[in-house]
């Protein structure tokens, strides 16, 4: 099913956003400035064993061990005074208390939403029982490896001492020593490989934690503005009940539509990066008429461009062996960026050149450009240039594009000058 703006503006579209809350694999909980629970999603109900009706209006401290409750009230009040996205208990282990008074380890990231001068606190909760179990298993395995290494070293020393007192002139004993040394070498190499696997697993866990923390911080920031706009406009629409107030209703409907479009773009970025990072993105090569594909994408995106912007496509038709779905995503991202970082009325020029078994597609804009000192970081994950901080975006788009182009066995480069615009070049093999 293709999700477009008309679909998202429908009742089913709003139902989709509601499903994101209810189907999240993370526990999500809202509570007010007094620490009383306003609502929670099914995952949070499952974690703590309460239904929403049982826990609604209760102080959040009932989910915290008794010994920590008084301190938590002070922490909560301090957060209300100075709200900002943050992670709880970074230097200590946190425990949650279930309805049956049993406890489990968890991680909590806090954010907030300010609506009509009232601060609502949002907690993103992760049950880390499995991770703690894995960490314990890794620690046991590490100790076993150390013990095994120590035993091997003792055996080697003992064997070496025996060989030193033997008649070194006997060929059979010399051969036996060589075999022992080779076996030891193989064992040590195996231990080193096992040790490296453990270190790699711990490093991946650390990177995942850092990525998750950055995601929560960025997502809470990027989601807050469009969600506030949707809530505000929805409330105002309800007040325009007269027939002659349709213009006012249309204005707020358009605000909601644009906010939902921003949310959809953010979610698409997160879904794309997750598929690419996990290796789940498949590639299916087939014959692709490039100019036809570009014209099709340009027509689809024409309504979403800024006022009086236009797309000019130059070049002859050429076909290549590629994945049309991935190539379409690359073009949509580059054209969207060209529009977003340009002024109303600017042109977006797309060039197509086939030469020496290589296809080059160029996308040029005449917008704000990229500061020279920041260009080396352009394809980094979550990177936003200093002159683009007031423009909506996740900082994932070009990182995704670079990974997509690599999947197509291609290469991406760019030229840019601040205040003069940017040109991105994609090079792909014709076959």
Protein backbone atom coordinates (compact mmCIF):
# COMPACT_ATOMS: atom_id res chain seq x y z
CA UNK A 1 0.00 0.00 0.00
CA UNK A 2 1.37 3.40 -0.97
CA UNK A 3 1.12 6.04 1.78
CA UNK A 4 0.46 9.55 0.49
CA UNK A 5 -0.76 12.82 2.05
CA UNK A 6 -4.43 12.20 1.21
CA UNK A 7 -4.25 8.82 2.93
CA UNK A 8 -2.50 10.28 6.00
CA UNK A 9 -5.14 13.05 6.27
CA UNK A 10 -7.91 10.46 6.34
CA UNK A 11 -9.27 8.76 9.42
CA UNK A 12 -7.10 5.75 8.59
CA UNK A 13 -4.06 8.01 8.39
CA UNK A 14 -4.60 9.27 11.92
CA UNK A 15 -5.23 5.66 12.93
CA UNK A 16 -1.78 4.82 11.53
CA UNK A 17 -0.10 7.34 13.86
CA UNK A 18 -2.10 5.92 16.76
CA UNK A 19 -0.93 2.41 15.84
CA UNK A 20 2.71 3.57 15.95
CA UNK A 21 2.16 4.42 19.63
CA UNK A 22 0.29 1.21 20.43
CA UNK A 23 2.53 -1.18 18.45
CA UNK A 24 5.91 0.20 19.57
CA UNK A 25 8.38 -2.37 20.89
CA UNK A 26 9.44 0.22 23.48
CA UNK A 27 7.36 1.07 26.52
CA UNK A 28 6.02 4.66 26.25
CA UNK A 29 4.48 6.48 29.23
CA UNK A 30 3.15 10.05 29.65
CA UNK A 31 2.81 11.74 33.04
CA UNK A 32 2.11 15.29 34.17
CA UNK A 33 4.20 17.81 36.13
CA UNK A 34 2.92 16.33 39.41
CA UNK A 35 4.27 12.91 38.44
CA UNK A 36 0.86 11.32 37.91
CA UNK A 37 0.55 8.84 35.04
CA UNK A 38 -1.64 10.09 32.17
CA UNK A 39 -1.39 7.19 29.71
CA UNK A 40 0.86 4.33 28.61
CA UNK A 41 1.10 2.04 25.60
CA UNK A 42 0.47 -1.76 25.58
CA UNK A 43 4.20 -2.55 25.77
CA UNK A 44 4.48 -0.54 29.03
CA UNK A 45 1.36 -2.31 30.38
CA UNK A 46 3.02 -5.66 29.58
CA UNK A 47 6.28 -4.64 31.31
CA UNK A 48 4.70 -3.55 34.59
CA UNK A 49 1.62 -5.82 34.66
CA UNK A 50 -0.88 -2.96 35.06
CA UNK A 51 -3.72 -2.02 32.73
CA UNK A 52 -4.14 1.64 31.80
CA UNK A 53 -7.30 1.90 33.94
CA UNK A 54 -5.48 0.50 36.99
CA UNK A 55 -2.52 2.85 36.83
CA UNK A 56 -3.93 6.04 35.32
CA UNK A 57 -3.67 8.92 37.82
CA UNK A 58 -1.27 7.01 40.07
CA UNK A 59 2.12 8.57 41.00
CA UNK A 60 4.94 7.25 38.84
CA UNK A 61 6.84 6.32 42.03
CA UNK A 62 4.73 3.14 42.41
CA UNK A 63 6.85 1.72 39.56
CA UNK A 64 10.11 2.43 41.46
CA UNK A 65 11.65 0.44 44.34
CA UNK A 66 10.58 1.84 47.74
CA UNK A 67 14.15 2.71 48.74
CA UNK A 68 14.49 5.06 45.75
CA UNK A 69 11.07 6.73 45.73
CA UNK A 70 11.85 9.76 47.90
CA UNK A 71 14.96 10.59 45.88
CA UNK A 72 13.05 10.14 42.64
CA UNK A 73 10.55 12.87 43.62
CA UNK A 74 13.44 15.34 43.85
CA UNK A 75 14.86 14.19 40.49
CA UNK A 76 11.41 14.53 38.90
CA UNK A 77 10.88 18.06 40.22
CA UNK A 78 14.31 19.09 38.95
CA UNK A 79 13.48 17.70 35.47
CA UNK A 80 10.20 19.70 35.41
CA UNK A 81 12.15 22.88 36.18
CA UNK A 82 14.72 22.24 33.44
CA UNK A 83 13.25 19.77 30.91
CA UNK A 84 15.49 18.37 28.18
CA UNK A 85 15.89 14.98 26.46
CA UNK A 86 18.12 12.84 28.67
CA UNK A 87 18.84 9.31 29.81
CA UNK A 88 18.10 8.26 33.42
CA UNK A 89 20.64 6.54 35.68
CA UNK A 90 23.61 6.56 33.27
CA UNK A 91 26.05 5.62 36.08
CA UNK A 92 23.85 3.06 37.85
CA UNK A 93 21.45 0.17 37.18
CA UNK A 94 17.73 0.98 37.27
CA UNK A 95 14.97 -1.36 38.41
CA UNK A 96 11.25 -1.27 37.68
CA UNK A 97 8.60 -2.64 40.06
CA UNK A 98 5.77 -4.72 38.58
CA UNK A 99 2.24 -5.01 39.90
CA UNK A 100 3.18 -8.29 41.65
CA UNK A 101 6.06 -6.36 43.36
CA UNK A 102 8.75 -8.26 41.43
CA UNK A 103 11.49 -6.17 39.82
CA UNK A 104 13.27 -6.14 36.46
CA UNK A 105 16.20 -4.13 35.00
CA UNK A 106 15.33 -1.32 32.60
CA UNK A 107 16.60 1.73 30.76
CA UNK A 108 14.63 4.98 30.68
CA UNK A 109 15.07 7.94 28.31
CA UNK A 110 13.11 11.07 29.18
CA UNK A 111 11.71 13.79 26.92
CA UNK A 112 8.83 16.21 27.11
CA UNK A 113 6.06 17.84 25.09
CA UNK A 114 4.86 21.35 25.89
CA UNK A 115 1.26 21.88 24.88
CA UNK A 116 -0.87 24.90 25.85
CA UNK A 117 1.73 25.99 28.47
CA UNK A 118 1.59 22.57 30.19
CA UNK A 119 4.60 20.27 30.24
CA UNK A 120 3.91 16.56 29.68
CA UNK A 121 6.81 14.23 30.39
CA UNK A 122 7.45 11.29 28.06
CA UNK A 123 9.37 8.22 29.21
CA UNK A 124 10.74 5.70 26.67
CA UNK A 125 11.25 2.44 28.61
CA UNK A 126 13.32 -0.59 27.57
CA UNK A 127 13.28 -3.94 29.38
CA UNK A 128 16.98 -4.99 29.41
CA UNK A 129 16.51 -8.31 31.20
CA UNK A 130 17.85 -10.28 28.20
CA UNK A 131 20.81 -7.93 27.75
CA UNK A 132 21.79 -8.24 31.44
CA UNK A 133 21.54 -12.01 31.12
CA UNK A 134 23.78 -11.93 28.03
CA UNK A 135 26.30 -9.65 29.77
CA UNK A 136 26.47 -12.09 32.68
CA UNK A 137 26.97 -15.00 30.27
CA UNK A 138 29.75 -13.08 28.48
CA UNK A 139 31.47 -12.39 31.81
CA UNK A 140 31.33 -16.09 32.73
CA UNK A 141 32.71 -16.99 29.30
CA UNK A 142 35.54 -14.46 29.71
CA UNK A 143 36.54 -15.95 33.08
CA UNK A 144 36.43 -19.44 31.59
CA UNK A 145 38.71 -18.31 28.78
CA UNK A 146 41.16 -16.79 31.28
CA UNK A 147 41.19 -20.01 33.32
CA UNK A 148 41.67 -22.09 30.18
CA UNK A 149 44.56 -19.85 29.09
CA UNK A 150 46.19 -20.12 32.50
CA UNK A 151 45.87 -23.92 32.46
CA UNK A 152 47.36 -24.09 28.98
CA UNK A 153 50.28 -21.88 29.98
CA UNK A 154 51.02 -24.11 32.99
CA UNK A 155 50.88 -27.21 30.79
CA UNK A 156 53.22 -25.62 28.27
CA UNK A 157 55.73 -24.63 30.95
CA UNK A 158 55.60 -28.11 32.47
CA UNK A 159 56.02 -29.77 29.09
CA UNK A 160 58.88 -27.45 28.13
CA UNK A 161 60.68 -28.25 31.40
CA UNK A 162 60.34 -31.98 30.74
CA UNK A 163 61.71 -31.62 27.23
CA UNK A 164 64.72 -29.61 28.47
CA UNK A 165 65.80 -32.57 30.66
CA UNK A 166 65.33 -35.14 27.93
CA UNK A 167 67.89 -36.20 25.42
CA UNK A 168 67.54 -33.50 22.79
CA UNK A 169 69.39 -35.78 20.41
CA UNK A 170 66.40 -38.09 20.09
CA UNK A 171 64.45 -37.18 16.98
CA UNK A 172 61.18 -38.51 18.32
CA UNK A 173 61.26 -36.23 21.38
CA UNK A 174 62.12 -33.19 19.25
CA UNK A 175 59.20 -33.97 16.97
CA UNK A 176 56.91 -34.33 19.97
CA UNK A 177 57.93 -30.93 21.25
CA UNK A 178 57.24 -29.36 17.87
CA UNK A 179 53.80 -30.91 17.80
CA UNK A 180 53.09 -29.61 21.30
CA UNK A 181 54.18 -26.12 20.30
CA UNK A 182 52.00 -26.20 17.20
CA UNK A 183 49.04 -27.37 19.26
CA UNK A 184 49.67 -24.57 21.74
CA UNK A 185 49.90 -22.03 18.95
CA UNK A 186 46.60 -23.21 17.50
CA UNK A 187 44.98 -23.11 20.95
CA UNK A 188 46.23 -19.59 21.61
CA UNK A 189 45.02 -18.46 18.20
CA UNK A 190 41.62 -19.96 18.95
CA UNK A 191 41.54 -18.18 22.30
CA UNK A 192 42.50 -14.90 20.65
CA UNK A 193 39.70 -15.30 18.09
CA UNK A 194 37.21 -16.07 20.87
CA UNK A 195 38.44 -13.07 22.85
CA UNK A 196 38.09 -10.83 19.79
CA UNK A 197 34.54 -12.08 19.19
CA UNK A 198 33.60 -11.17 22.77
CA UNK A 199 35.19 -7.71 22.40
CA UNK A 200 33.39 -7.18 19.09
CA UNK A 201 30.06 -8.15 20.67
CA UNK A 202 30.60 -5.71 23.54
CA UNK A 203 31.61 -2.95 21.10
CA UNK A 204 28.49 -3.53 18.98
CA UNK A 205 26.36 -3.38 22.15
CA UNK A 206 28.02 -0.09 23.09
CA UNK A 207 27.50 1.37 19.60
CA UNK A 208 23.85 0.24 19.65
CA UNK A 209 23.34 1.98 23.00
CA UNK A 210 24.92 5.21 21.71
CA UNK A 211 22.86 5.08 18.51
CA UNK A 212 19.68 4.46 20.50
CA UNK A 213 20.43 7.39 22.81
CA UNK A 214 21.05 9.71 19.82
CA UNK A 215 17.91 8.42 18.13
CA UNK A 216 15.73 9.09 21.19
CA UNK A 217 17.18 12.57 21.61
CA UNK A 218 16.80 13.48 17.92
CA UNK A 219 13.41 11.80 17.48
CA UNK A 220 11.93 13.53 20.53
CA UNK A 221 13.12 16.86 19.13
CA UNK A 222 11.93 16.25 15.53
CA UNK A 223 8.57 14.74 16.55
CA UNK A 224 7.73 17.41 19.13
CA UNK A 225 7.12 20.31 16.71
CA UNK A 226 4.84 18.53 14.16
CA UNK A 227 2.91 16.73 16.92
CA UNK A 228 2.30 20.04 18.72
CA UNK A 229 1.15 21.59 15.43
CA UNK A 230 -1.25 18.69 14.78
CA UNK A 231 -2.76 18.93 18.29
CA UNK A 232 -3.08 22.72 18.12
CA UNK A 233 -4.64 22.77 14.63
CA UNK A 234 -7.00 19.89 15.45
CA UNK A 235 -8.29 21.82 18.48
CA UNK A 236 -8.75 24.99 16.42
CA UNK A 237 -10.57 23.17 13.60
CA UNK A 238 -13.14 21.98 16.12
CA UNK A 239 -13.95 25.64 16.90
CA UNK A 240 -14.69 26.58 13.27
CA UNK A 241 -18.23 25.23 12.97
CA UNK A 242 -19.77 27.81 10.63
CA UNK A 243 -19.99 27.35 6.84
CA UNK A 244 -18.21 30.65 6.09
CA UNK A 245 -15.21 29.55 8.18
CA UNK A 246 -14.03 26.97 5.61
CA UNK A 247 -10.94 29.06 4.76
CA UNK A 248 -9.82 28.92 8.40
CA UNK A 249 -10.43 25.17 8.48
CA UNK A 250 -8.45 24.70 5.25
CA UNK A 251 -5.50 26.64 6.70
CA UNK A 252 -5.24 24.34 9.72
CA UNK A 253 -5.88 21.21 7.63
CA UNK A 254 -2.91 22.24 5.46
CA UNK A 255 -0.78 22.68 8.61
CA UNK A 256 -1.75 19.20 9.77
CA UNK A 257 -1.02 17.74 6.30
CA UNK A 258 2.49 19.26 6.24
CA UNK A 259 3.20 18.10 9.81
CA UNK A 260 2.10 14.54 8.98
CA UNK A 261 4.27 14.68 5.84
CA UNK A 262 7.28 15.64 8.01
CA UNK A 263 6.53 12.75 10.39
CA UNK A 264 6.25 10.33 7.45
CA UNK A 265 9.60 11.51 6.07
CA UNK A 266 11.28 11.01 9.47
CA UNK A 267 9.79 7.51 9.86
CA UNK A 268 10.87 6.55 6.31
CA UNK A 269 14.46 7.60 7.12
CA UNK A 270 14.49 5.49 10.27
CA UNK A 271 13.02 2.46 8.46
CA UNK A 272 15.56 2.80 5.62
CA UNK A 273 18.60 3.09 7.91
CA UNK A 274 17.39 0.12 9.99
CA UNK A 275 17.09 -2.11 6.88
CA UNK A 276 20.49 -1.02 5.59
CA UNK A 277 22.25 -1.45 8.97
CA UNK A 278 20.75 -4.91 9.52
CA UNK A 279 21.53 -6.12 5.98
CA UNK A 280 17.83 -6.70 5.27
CA UNK A 281 17.81 -4.46 2.17
CA UNK A 282 17.71 -6.71 -0.91
CA UNK A 283 18.81 -5.67 -4.42
CA UNK A 284 17.06 -6.85 -7.60
CA UNK A 285 18.77 -5.81 -10.83
CA UNK A 286 16.70 -5.34 -13.98
CA UNK A 287 16.58 -3.14 -17.10
CA UNK A 288 15.77 0.46 -16.07
CA UNK A 289 15.05 3.31 -18.55
CA UNK A 290 16.71 6.09 -16.56
CA UNK A 291 15.14 9.22 -18.10
CA UNK A 292 11.63 7.73 -17.90
CA UNK A 293 12.22 6.93 -14.21
CA UNK A 294 13.52 10.45 -13.46
CA UNK A 295 10.57 12.08 -15.27
CA UNK A 296 8.17 9.85 -13.32
CA UNK A 297 9.77 10.81 -9.98
CA UNK A 298 9.82 14.52 -10.94
CA UNK A 299 6.11 14.44 -11.79
CA UNK A 300 5.26 12.74 -8.49
CA UNK A 301 7.25 15.32 -6.52
CA UNK A 302 6.08 18.42 -8.41
CA UNK A 303 3.23 19.18 -6.01
CA UNK A 304 5.55 19.01 -2.99
CA UNK A 305 8.07 21.57 -4.33
CA UNK A 306 8.25 25.10 -3.01
CA UNK A 307 6.27 27.79 -4.86
CA UNK A 308 7.28 28.22 -8.54
CA UNK A 309 10.14 25.74 -8.29
CA UNK A 310 10.57 23.54 -11.37
CA UNK A 311 12.63 20.51 -12.36
CA UNK A 312 14.58 20.70 -15.66
CA UNK A 313 15.77 17.32 -17.04
CA UNK A 314 18.48 17.24 -19.74
CA UNK A 315 19.98 14.21 -21.48
CA UNK A 316 19.11 11.33 -23.77
CA UNK A 317 17.26 8.17 -22.76
CA UNK A 318 19.60 5.38 -21.66
CA UNK A 319 18.90 2.05 -19.96
CA UNK A 320 21.01 0.44 -17.25
CA UNK A 321 20.97 -2.76 -15.20
CA UNK A 322 19.96 -1.56 -11.72
CA UNK A 323 17.34 -1.81 -8.96
CA UNK A 324 14.53 0.65 -9.87
CA UNK A 325 13.16 0.82 -6.30
CA UNK A 326 16.52 1.77 -4.75
CA UNK A 327 17.35 4.17 -7.60
CA UNK A 328 13.94 5.85 -7.15
CA UNK A 329 14.65 6.34 -3.41
CA UNK A 330 18.03 7.93 -4.22
CA UNK A 331 16.44 10.36 -6.71
CA UNK A 332 13.58 11.27 -4.33
CA UNK A 333 16.03 12.06 -1.55
CA UNK A 334 18.35 14.22 -3.72
CA UNK A 335 15.48 16.12 -5.39
CA UNK A 336 13.77 16.64 -2.02
CA UNK A 337 17.01 18.08 -0.59
CA UNK A 338 17.47 20.32 -3.64
CA UNK A 339 13.97 21.74 -3.11
CA UNK A 340 14.22 22.01 0.68
CA UNK A 341 17.52 23.92 0.68
CA UNK A 342 16.58 26.24 -2.22
CA UNK A 343 14.34 29.30 -2.47
CA UNK A 344 10.85 29.48 -4.05
CA UNK A 345 11.14 29.97 -7.80
CA UNK A 346 14.58 28.30 -8.07
CA UNK A 347 15.25 25.66 -10.72
CA UNK A 348 16.42 22.12 -10.00
CA UNK A 349 18.57 20.86 -12.90
CA UNK A 350 19.01 17.12 -13.55
CA UNK A 351 21.57 15.93 -16.11
CA UNK A 352 21.97 12.43 -17.65
CA UNK A 353 25.25 11.41 -19.34
CA UNK A 354 26.30 7.89 -20.49
CA UNK A 355 29.98 7.43 -21.37
CA UNK A 356 32.54 4.58 -21.23
CA UNK A 357 30.10 2.03 -19.75
CA UNK A 358 29.26 4.50 -16.99
CA UNK A 359 26.06 6.47 -16.28
CA UNK A 360 26.33 9.83 -14.49
CA UNK A 361 23.19 11.50 -13.04
CA UNK A 362 23.68 15.02 -11.67
CA UNK A 363 21.20 16.90 -9.43
CA UNK A 364 21.94 20.62 -9.09
CA UNK A 365 20.29 23.32 -6.98
CA UNK A 366 20.97 27.04 -6.45
CA UNK A 367 20.21 27.17 -2.73
CA UNK A 368 22.11 27.75 0.52
CA UNK A 369 25.02 25.40 -0.27
CA UNK A 370 27.26 23.63 2.26
CA UNK A 371 29.96 25.45 4.30
CA UNK A 372 33.43 24.35 3.11
CA UNK A 373 34.65 23.41 6.61
CA UNK A 374 31.70 21.02 7.08
CA UNK A 375 31.78 19.23 3.72
CA UNK A 376 33.95 16.32 4.93
CA UNK A 377 31.19 15.32 7.39
CA UNK A 378 28.31 15.58 4.90
CA UNK A 379 27.60 11.83 4.56
CA UNK A 380 27.88 11.13 8.31
CA UNK A 381 24.91 9.75 10.23
CA UNK A 382 22.79 12.48 11.93
CA UNK A 383 24.96 15.25 10.38
CA UNK A 384 23.29 18.66 9.87
CA UNK A 385 25.24 21.60 8.40
CA UNK A 386 25.42 24.75 10.52
CA UNK A 387 23.39 26.80 8.02
CA UNK A 388 20.55 24.22 7.90
CA UNK A 389 19.61 23.89 11.58
CA UNK A 390 16.33 25.81 11.07
CA UNK A 391 15.24 23.49 8.23
CA UNK A 392 13.34 20.27 9.04
CA UNK A 393 15.47 17.13 8.73
CA UNK A 394 16.92 14.07 10.50
CA UNK A 395 20.49 14.20 9.18
CA UNK A 396 20.09 10.64 7.84
CA UNK A 397 19.14 11.29 4.19
CA UNK A 398 22.58 11.54 2.55
CA UNK A 399 23.95 8.74 4.75
CA UNK A 400 21.14 6.53 3.40
CA UNK A 401 21.78 7.70 -0.19
CA UNK A 402 25.48 6.81 0.04
CA UNK A 403 24.64 3.29 1.29
CA UNK A 404 22.02 2.86 -1.47
CA UNK A 405 24.49 3.92 -4.17
CA UNK A 406 27.06 1.48 -2.80
CA UNK A 407 24.48 -1.35 -3.02
CA UNK A 408 24.10 -0.46 -6.73
CA UNK A 409 27.91 -0.77 -7.18
CA UNK A 410 28.09 2.99 -7.74
CA UNK A 411 29.80 6.11 -6.38
CA UNK A 412 28.48 9.49 -5.19
CA UNK A 413 30.32 12.82 -5.05
CA UNK A 414 29.34 16.48 -4.83
CA UNK A 415 30.41 20.08 -5.41
CA UNK A 416 29.08 22.92 -3.27
CA UNK A 417 29.68 26.55 -2.41
CA UNK A 418 27.90 28.27 0.46
CA UNK A 419 25.20 30.62 -0.83
CA UNK A 420 25.59 29.35 -4.43
CA UNK A 421 24.07 25.86 -4.31
CA UNK A 422 25.18 22.24 -4.61
CA UNK A 423 25.55 19.58 -7.30
CA UNK A 424 25.47 15.85 -6.49
CA UNK A 425 26.89 13.36 -9.03
CA UNK A 426 25.91 9.67 -9.00
CA UNK A 427 28.02 7.30 -11.11
CA UNK A 428 26.57 3.84 -11.87
CA UNK A 429 27.77 1.03 -14.16
CA UNK A 430 25.59 0.56 -17.26
CA UNK A 431 25.70 -3.20 -16.73
